[in-house]
């Protein structure tokens, strides 16, 4: 099973996936990291882990179609079976999603359908709800939507700060994402 991780930022979920593969918790090959931000910390993490980096900057292409065509070419070259979105801050086109339907996972820091969007942790914290969580799901053409693979709840403690809640959610993400990938590889979902 060949994996591609798409990321635009720090790459903590990328590192959790690399660790799970090295510990044989996930029996797969992480073939490439697809990144759209040349200064992203995830690139350095990939280089340290020995994972090939595919840097594809949107501004280098005249259209979204051309940008995605370049990514698709790399996915085909590396015979990618599963795309794992780990903080990739670009929306994929409906055509791209359709092409890889059931083979693109995303992780979101809330109990979807609650708190969609880029600021889910902050939005949950500010809303006064007593719990939030993490969702791993297959993506579809809507934002932060699609069939749910795994969800786990986290209670928001009275002593939590936004920073402490973020740390706890990220810690849960690092456990949950490898579990979801393992379910896909074993044929239990998909």
Protein backbone atom coordinates (compact mmCIF):
# COMPACT_ATOMS: atom_id res chain seq x y z
CA UNK A 1 0.00 0.00 0.00
CA UNK A 2 1.49 3.31 -1.12
CA UNK A 3 0.59 6.49 0.78
CA UNK A 4 0.90 10.17 -0.07
CA UNK A 5 0.53 12.75 2.68
CA UNK A 6 -0.59 16.24 1.66
CA UNK A 7 0.40 18.97 4.15
CA UNK A 8 0.97 22.72 4.20
CA UNK A 9 2.23 23.44 7.72
CA UNK A 10 4.10 22.06 10.71
CA UNK A 11 3.53 18.40 9.94
CA UNK A 12 2.85 16.92 13.36
CA UNK A 13 0.32 14.46 11.89
CA UNK A 14 2.84 13.65 9.16
CA UNK A 15 5.38 12.76 11.86
CA UNK A 16 2.82 10.64 13.73
CA UNK A 17 2.16 8.67 10.53
CA UNK A 18 5.90 8.21 9.89
CA UNK A 19 6.34 6.96 13.46
CA UNK A 20 3.44 4.51 13.13
CA UNK A 21 4.94 3.12 9.90
CA UNK A 22 8.40 2.76 11.48
CA UNK A 23 6.83 0.93 14.44
CA UNK A 24 4.97 -1.40 12.02
CA UNK A 25 1.60 -0.20 13.32
CA UNK A 26 0.82 0.74 9.71
CA UNK A 27 2.04 -1.65 7.05
CA UNK A 28 2.45 0.79 4.17
CA UNK A 29 5.02 2.80 2.28
CA UNK A 30 4.88 6.57 2.66
CA UNK A 31 6.04 7.35 -0.87
CA UNK A 32 5.66 11.13 -1.02
CA UNK A 33 4.81 14.29 0.84
CA UNK A 34 2.88 16.74 -1.35
CA UNK A 35 3.32 20.29 -0.06
CA UNK A 36 2.27 23.63 -1.50
CA UNK A 37 4.28 25.87 0.87
CA UNK A 38 8.08 26.00 0.37
CA UNK A 39 8.71 27.26 3.92
CA UNK A 40 6.53 24.65 5.66
CA UNK A 41 8.18 22.82 8.56
CA UNK A 42 6.71 19.55 7.27
CA UNK A 43 9.27 19.62 4.43
CA UNK A 44 12.13 19.41 6.92
CA UNK A 45 10.33 16.63 8.79
CA UNK A 46 9.97 14.70 5.52
CA UNK A 47 13.63 15.18 4.63
CA UNK A 48 14.70 13.91 8.06
CA UNK A 49 12.39 10.90 7.67
CA UNK A 50 13.73 10.16 4.20
CA UNK A 51 10.38 10.79 2.48
CA UNK A 52 10.46 12.31 -1.01
CA UNK A 53 9.04 15.86 -1.07
CA UNK A 54 6.87 16.99 -3.98
CA UNK A 55 6.63 20.78 -3.77
CA UNK A 56 3.76 22.01 -5.94
CA UNK A 57 3.10 25.73 -5.53
CA UNK A 58 -0.26 26.92 -6.82
CA UNK A 59 1.20 30.18 -8.12
CA UNK A 60 3.43 28.23 -10.53
CA UNK A 61 0.36 27.15 -12.52
CA UNK A 62 -2.02 29.18 -14.64
CA UNK A 63 -5.07 27.30 -13.34
CA UNK A 64 -6.26 25.04 -10.56
CA UNK A 65 -6.74 22.34 -13.20
CA UNK A 66 -3.05 22.52 -14.17
CA UNK A 67 -1.99 22.59 -10.50
CA UNK A 68 -4.01 19.45 -9.76
CA UNK A 69 -2.85 17.78 -13.00
CA UNK A 70 0.75 18.13 -11.78
CA UNK A 71 -0.22 16.51 -8.47
CA UNK A 72 -2.13 13.71 -10.22
CA UNK A 73 0.90 12.97 -12.39
CA UNK A 74 3.04 12.50 -9.27
CA UNK A 75 0.39 10.33 -7.60
CA UNK A 76 0.32 8.11 -10.67
CA UNK A 77 4.13 7.99 -10.91
CA UNK A 78 4.33 6.73 -7.32
CA UNK A 79 1.28 4.43 -7.66
CA UNK A 80 -0.46 6.02 -4.68
CA UNK A 81 -3.30 3.99 -3.15
CA UNK A 82 -4.33 6.39 -0.37
CA UNK A 83 -4.08 10.17 -0.01
CA UNK A 84 -3.86 11.40 3.57
CA UNK A 85 -4.63 15.10 4.09
CA UNK A 86 -2.75 16.38 7.13
CA UNK A 87 -3.28 20.11 7.25
CA UNK A 88 -3.28 20.66 3.49
CA UNK A 89 -4.77 24.13 3.32
CA UNK A 90 -6.18 23.94 -0.20
CA UNK A 91 -9.57 22.77 -1.32
CA UNK A 92 -9.41 20.00 -3.89
CA UNK A 93 -11.67 20.33 -6.92
CA UNK A 94 -14.75 18.13 -7.34
CA UNK A 95 -13.02 16.42 -10.29
CA UNK A 96 -9.98 15.57 -8.16
CA UNK A 97 -12.20 14.27 -5.37
CA UNK A 98 -14.25 12.19 -7.82
CA UNK A 99 -11.08 10.67 -9.31
CA UNK A 100 -9.90 9.48 -5.87
CA UNK A 101 -13.26 8.98 -4.15
CA UNK A 102 -12.95 6.73 -1.13
CA UNK A 103 -9.16 7.11 -1.19
CA UNK A 104 -8.73 10.60 0.31
CA UNK A 105 -8.77 10.84 4.12
CA UNK A 106 -8.85 14.01 6.14
CA UNK A 107 -8.49 14.73 9.83
CA UNK A 108 -10.46 17.55 11.42
CA UNK A 109 -10.15 18.90 14.99
CA UNK A 110 -13.83 18.74 15.93
CA UNK A 111 -16.70 16.31 16.08
CA UNK A 112 -18.02 16.90 12.59
CA UNK A 113 -20.47 18.17 11.52
CA UNK A 114 -19.84 20.68 14.34
CA UNK A 115 -17.22 23.41 13.92
CA UNK A 116 -16.21 23.10 10.31
CA UNK A 117 -13.45 25.30 8.93
CA UNK A 118 -9.89 26.31 9.69
CA UNK A 119 -10.52 27.55 13.24
CA UNK A 120 -12.44 24.58 14.64
CA UNK A 121 -10.56 24.30 17.94
CA UNK A 122 -10.87 28.00 18.69
CA UNK A 123 -14.52 28.04 17.61
CA UNK A 124 -15.36 25.11 19.90
CA UNK A 125 -13.43 26.66 22.80
CA UNK A 126 -15.09 30.07 22.36
CA UNK A 127 -18.58 28.59 21.97
CA UNK A 128 -18.78 27.28 25.53
CA UNK A 129 -19.57 23.66 24.57
CA UNK A 130 -18.49 21.07 27.14
CA UNK A 131 -16.76 18.81 24.64
CA UNK A 132 -15.24 18.67 21.19
CA UNK A 133 -13.01 16.11 19.55
CA UNK A 134 -11.39 14.76 16.42
CA UNK A 135 -12.90 13.30 13.25
CA UNK A 136 -11.18 11.26 10.53
CA UNK A 137 -13.29 11.06 7.39
CA UNK A 138 -13.20 10.44 3.67
CA UNK A 139 -13.65 13.73 1.86
CA UNK A 140 -16.34 14.55 -0.63
CA UNK A 141 -17.10 17.68 -2.63
CA UNK A 142 -18.23 19.66 0.43
CA UNK A 143 -15.86 21.27 2.94
CA UNK A 144 -15.22 19.20 6.09
CA UNK A 145 -17.78 16.66 5.02
CA UNK A 146 -17.91 13.04 3.93
CA UNK A 147 -18.22 9.56 5.42
CA UNK A 148 -16.84 9.42 8.95
CA UNK A 149 -14.21 6.77 9.65
CA UNK A 150 -13.43 7.48 13.33
CA UNK A 151 -14.44 10.09 15.88
CA UNK A 152 -13.27 10.61 19.45
CA UNK A 153 -14.60 13.08 21.99
CA UNK A 154 -12.55 15.29 24.32
CA UNK A 155 -14.10 17.03 27.30
CA UNK A 156 -13.28 20.70 27.55
CA UNK A 157 -12.05 21.13 31.11
CA UNK A 158 -12.78 24.23 33.15
CA UNK A 159 -9.02 24.80 33.54
CA UNK A 160 -8.37 24.44 29.78
CA UNK A 161 -6.89 27.31 27.85
CA UNK A 162 -7.09 27.41 24.09
CA UNK A 163 -3.43 26.28 24.01
CA UNK A 164 -3.99 23.33 26.36
CA UNK A 165 -7.06 22.22 24.41
CA UNK A 166 -5.08 22.45 21.16
CA UNK A 167 -2.31 20.26 22.63
CA UNK A 168 -4.81 17.63 23.78
CA UNK A 169 -6.61 17.60 20.44
CA UNK A 170 -3.34 17.28 18.50
CA UNK A 171 -2.26 14.43 20.77
CA UNK A 172 -5.53 12.63 20.02
CA UNK A 173 -5.11 13.28 16.28
CA UNK A 174 -1.69 11.62 16.37
CA UNK A 175 -3.28 8.44 17.74
CA UNK A 176 -6.48 8.45 15.71
CA UNK A 177 -5.07 9.09 12.23
CA UNK A 178 -2.76 6.04 12.21
CA UNK A 179 -5.70 3.92 13.44
CA UNK A 180 -7.88 5.09 10.54
CA UNK A 181 -5.11 4.44 8.01
CA UNK A 182 -4.64 0.96 9.44
CA UNK A 183 -8.39 0.28 9.03
CA UNK A 184 -8.15 1.29 5.38
CA UNK A 185 -5.09 -0.86 4.72
CA UNK A 186 -6.70 -3.87 6.38
CA UNK A 187 -9.76 -3.51 4.12
CA UNK A 188 -12.12 -2.82 7.03
CA UNK A 189 -13.19 0.49 5.47
CA UNK A 190 -13.12 2.00 2.04
